[in-house]
């Protein structure tokens, strides 16, 4: 005798087939709200990344100009060191001859 509440699949000898595992209905307002939120987040992320790319480009330009300024300052310092060394050498030679 078979049990009338048997829910095993027919392949395993059961009499009933389970046709619906989850029976859930989403209200249309929830679905639209979630879809709008996801789409809005996608647009926000897109524009935020675009703004970040612009900021990175601006920073690259600032770093390049800073590197150029540093190179010119280093050149000026090298010239000044050379001049100071020459002046010190001239001072030593003139002081050595006076004594």
C-alpha atoms as a PDB file:
ATOM      1  CA  UNK A   1       0.000   0.000   0.000  1.00  0.00           C
ATOM      2  CA  UNK A   2       1.383   3.391  -0.994  1.00  0.00           C
ATOM      3  CA  UNK A   3       1.227   6.492   1.121  1.00  0.00           C
ATOM      4  CA  UNK A   4      -0.791   9.318  -0.465  1.00  0.00           C
ATOM      5  CA  UNK A   5       1.576  11.970   0.989  1.00  0.00           C
ATOM      6  CA  UNK A   6       4.674  10.522  -0.643  1.00  0.00           C
ATOM      7  CA  UNK A   7       6.684  13.413  -2.155  1.00  0.00           C
ATOM      8  CA  UNK A   8       9.557  11.428  -3.582  1.00  0.00           C
ATOM      9  CA  UNK A   9      10.240  11.870  -7.286  1.00  0.00           C
ATOM     10  CA  UNK A  10       8.564   9.403  -9.608  1.00  0.00           C
ATOM     11  CA  UNK A  11      11.952   7.884 -10.528  1.00  0.00           C
ATOM     12  CA  UNK A  12      12.411   6.767  -6.927  1.00  0.00           C
ATOM     13  CA  UNK A  13       8.978   5.234  -6.664  1.00  0.00           C
ATOM     14  CA  UNK A  14       7.077   8.238  -5.384  1.00  0.00           C
ATOM     15  CA  UNK A  15       3.604   9.079  -6.594  1.00  0.00           C
ATOM     16  CA  UNK A  16       3.736  12.898  -6.573  1.00  0.00           C
ATOM     17  CA  UNK A  17       6.126  15.201  -8.369  1.00  0.00           C
ATOM     18  CA  UNK A  18       7.348  18.337  -6.689  1.00  0.00           C
ATOM     19  CA  UNK A  19       6.646  21.037  -9.239  1.00  0.00           C
ATOM     20  CA  UNK A  20       7.302  24.184  -7.208  1.00  0.00           C
ATOM     21  CA  UNK A  21      10.137  24.458  -4.781  1.00  0.00           C
ATOM     22  CA  UNK A  22       9.723  28.139  -4.033  1.00  0.00           C
ATOM     23  CA  UNK A  23       6.465  29.958  -4.522  1.00  0.00           C
ATOM     24  CA  UNK A  24       7.301  33.628  -4.086  1.00  0.00           C
ATOM     25  CA  UNK A  25       5.906  36.691  -5.783  1.00  0.00           C
ATOM     26  CA  UNK A  26       7.691  40.027  -5.737  1.00  0.00           C
ATOM     27  CA  UNK A  27       5.536  43.131  -5.768  1.00  0.00           C
ATOM     28  CA  UNK A  28       6.131  45.311  -8.814  1.00  0.00           C
ATOM     29  CA  UNK A  29       7.065  48.320  -6.663  1.00  0.00           C
ATOM     30  CA  UNK A  30       9.841  46.339  -4.965  1.00  0.00           C
ATOM     31  CA  UNK A  31      11.136  45.109  -8.285  1.00  0.00           C
ATOM     32  CA  UNK A  32      11.145  48.618  -9.787  1.00  0.00           C
ATOM     33  CA  UNK A  33      12.768  50.092  -6.664  1.00  0.00           C
ATOM     34  CA  UNK A  34      15.559  47.514  -6.670  1.00  0.00           C
ATOM     35  CA  UNK A  35      16.127  47.922 -10.419  1.00  0.00           C
ATOM     36  CA  UNK A  36      16.234  51.731 -10.134  1.00  0.00           C
ATOM     37  CA  UNK A  37      18.643  51.500  -7.203  1.00  0.00           C
ATOM     38  CA  UNK A  38      20.995  49.185  -9.104  1.00  0.00           C
ATOM     39  CA  UNK A  39      20.860  51.343 -12.247  1.00  0.00           C
ATOM     40  CA  UNK A  40      21.361  54.529 -10.214  1.00  0.00           C
ATOM     41  CA  UNK A  41      24.320  52.967  -8.437  1.00  0.00           C
ATOM     42  CA  UNK A  42      25.801  51.961 -11.784  1.00  0.00           C
ATOM     43  CA  UNK A  43      25.503  55.501 -13.145  1.00  0.00           C
ATOM     44  CA  UNK A  44      26.942  56.943  -9.942  1.00  0.00           C
ATOM     45  CA  UNK A  45      29.876  54.552 -10.085  1.00  0.00           C
ATOM     46  CA  UNK A  46      30.484  55.370 -13.749  1.00  0.00           C
ATOM     47  CA  UNK A  47      30.599  59.126 -13.143  1.00  0.00           C
ATOM     48  CA  UNK A  48      32.642  58.733  -9.974  1.00  0.00           C
ATOM     49  CA  UNK A  49      35.229  56.676 -11.879  1.00  0.00           C
ATOM     50  CA  UNK A  50      35.240  59.260 -14.670  1.00  0.00           C
ATOM     51  CA  UNK A  51      35.885  62.019 -12.129  1.00  0.00           C
ATOM     52  CA  UNK A  52      38.625  59.918 -10.524  1.00  0.00           C
ATOM     53  CA  UNK A  53      40.274  59.478 -13.926  1.00  0.00           C
ATOM     54  CA  UNK A  54      40.243  63.253 -14.447  1.00  0.00           C
ATOM     55  CA  UNK A  55      41.755  63.786 -10.996  1.00  0.00           C
ATOM     56  CA  UNK A  56      44.517  61.270 -11.722  1.00  0.00           C
ATOM     57  CA  UNK A  57      45.291  63.032 -15.019  1.00  0.00           C
ATOM     58  CA  UNK A  58      45.514  66.374 -13.200  1.00  0.00           C
ATOM     59  CA  UNK A  59      47.803  64.832 -10.603  1.00  0.00           C
ATOM     60  CA  UNK A  60      50.075  63.407 -13.316  1.00  0.00           C
ATOM     61  CA  UNK A  61      50.399  66.873 -14.848  1.00  0.00           C
ATOM     62  CA  UNK A  62      51.186  68.379 -11.436  1.00  0.00           C
ATOM     63  CA  UNK A  63      53.820  65.715 -10.745  1.00  0.00           C
ATOM     64  CA  UNK A  64      55.443  66.257 -14.145  1.00  0.00           C
ATOM     65  CA  UNK A  65      55.657  70.007 -13.578  1.00  0.00           C
ATOM     66  CA  UNK A  66      57.002  69.375 -10.079  1.00  0.00           C
ATOM     67  CA  UNK A  67      59.656  67.045 -11.498  1.00  0.00           C
ATOM     68  CA  UNK A  68      60.670  69.665 -14.045  1.00  0.00           C
ATOM     69  CA  UNK A  69      60.855  72.331 -11.344  1.00  0.00           C
ATOM     70  CA  UNK A  70      62.949  69.999  -9.177  1.00  0.00           C
ATOM     71  CA  UNK A  71      65.313  69.316 -12.063  1.00  0.00           C
ATOM     72  CA  UNK A  72      65.772  73.036 -12.720  1.00  0.00           C
ATOM     73  CA  UNK A  73      66.357  73.730  -9.005  1.00  0.00           C
ATOM     74  CA  UNK A  74      68.932  70.921  -8.888  1.00  0.00           C
ATOM     75  CA  UNK A  75      70.689  72.468 -11.884  1.00  0.00           C
ATOM     76  CA  UNK A  76      70.746  75.866 -10.211  1.00  0.00           C
ATOM     77  CA  UNK A  77      72.114  74.326  -7.014  1.00  0.00           C
ATOM     78  CA  UNK A  78      74.869  72.573  -8.955  1.00  0.00           C
ATOM     79  CA  UNK A  79      75.868  75.894 -10.567  1.00  0.00           C
ATOM     80  CA  UNK A  80      75.854  77.630  -7.178  1.00  0.00           C
ATOM     81  CA  UNK A  81      78.001  74.880  -5.625  1.00  0.00           C
ATOM     82  CA  UNK A  82      80.461  75.195  -8.487  1.00  0.00           C
ATOM     83  CA  UNK A  83      80.649  78.955  -8.015  1.00  0.00           C
ATOM     84  CA  UNK A  84      81.057  78.675  -4.239  1.00  0.00           C
ATOM     85  CA  UNK A  85      83.824  76.094  -4.643  1.00  0.00           C
ATOM     86  CA  UNK A  86      85.600  78.352  -7.128  1.00  0.00           C
ATOM     87  CA  UNK A  87      85.265  81.345  -4.793  1.00  0.00           C
ATOM     88  CA  UNK A  88      86.580  79.323  -1.864  1.00  0.00           C
ATOM     89  CA  UNK A  89      89.508  78.128  -3.967  1.00  0.00           C
ATOM     90  CA  UNK A  90      90.243  81.732  -5.054  1.00  0.00           C
ATOM     91  CA  UNK A  91      90.010  82.885  -1.427  1.00  0.00           C
ATOM     92  CA  UNK A  92      92.462  80.180  -0.323  1.00  0.00           C
ATOM     93  CA  UNK A  93      94.939  81.107  -3.025  1.00  0.00           C
ATOM     94  CA  UNK A  94      94.761  84.831  -2.255  1.00  0.00           C
ATOM     95  CA  UNK A  95      95.064  84.274   1.510  1.00  0.00           C
ATOM     96  CA  UNK A  96      98.008  81.934   0.990  1.00  0.00           C
ATOM     97  CA  UNK A  97      99.866  84.541  -1.036  1.00  0.00           C
ATOM     98  CA  UNK A  98      99.267  87.417   1.459  1.00  0.00           C
ATOM     99  CA  UNK A  99     100.719  85.681   4.474  1.00  0.00           C
END
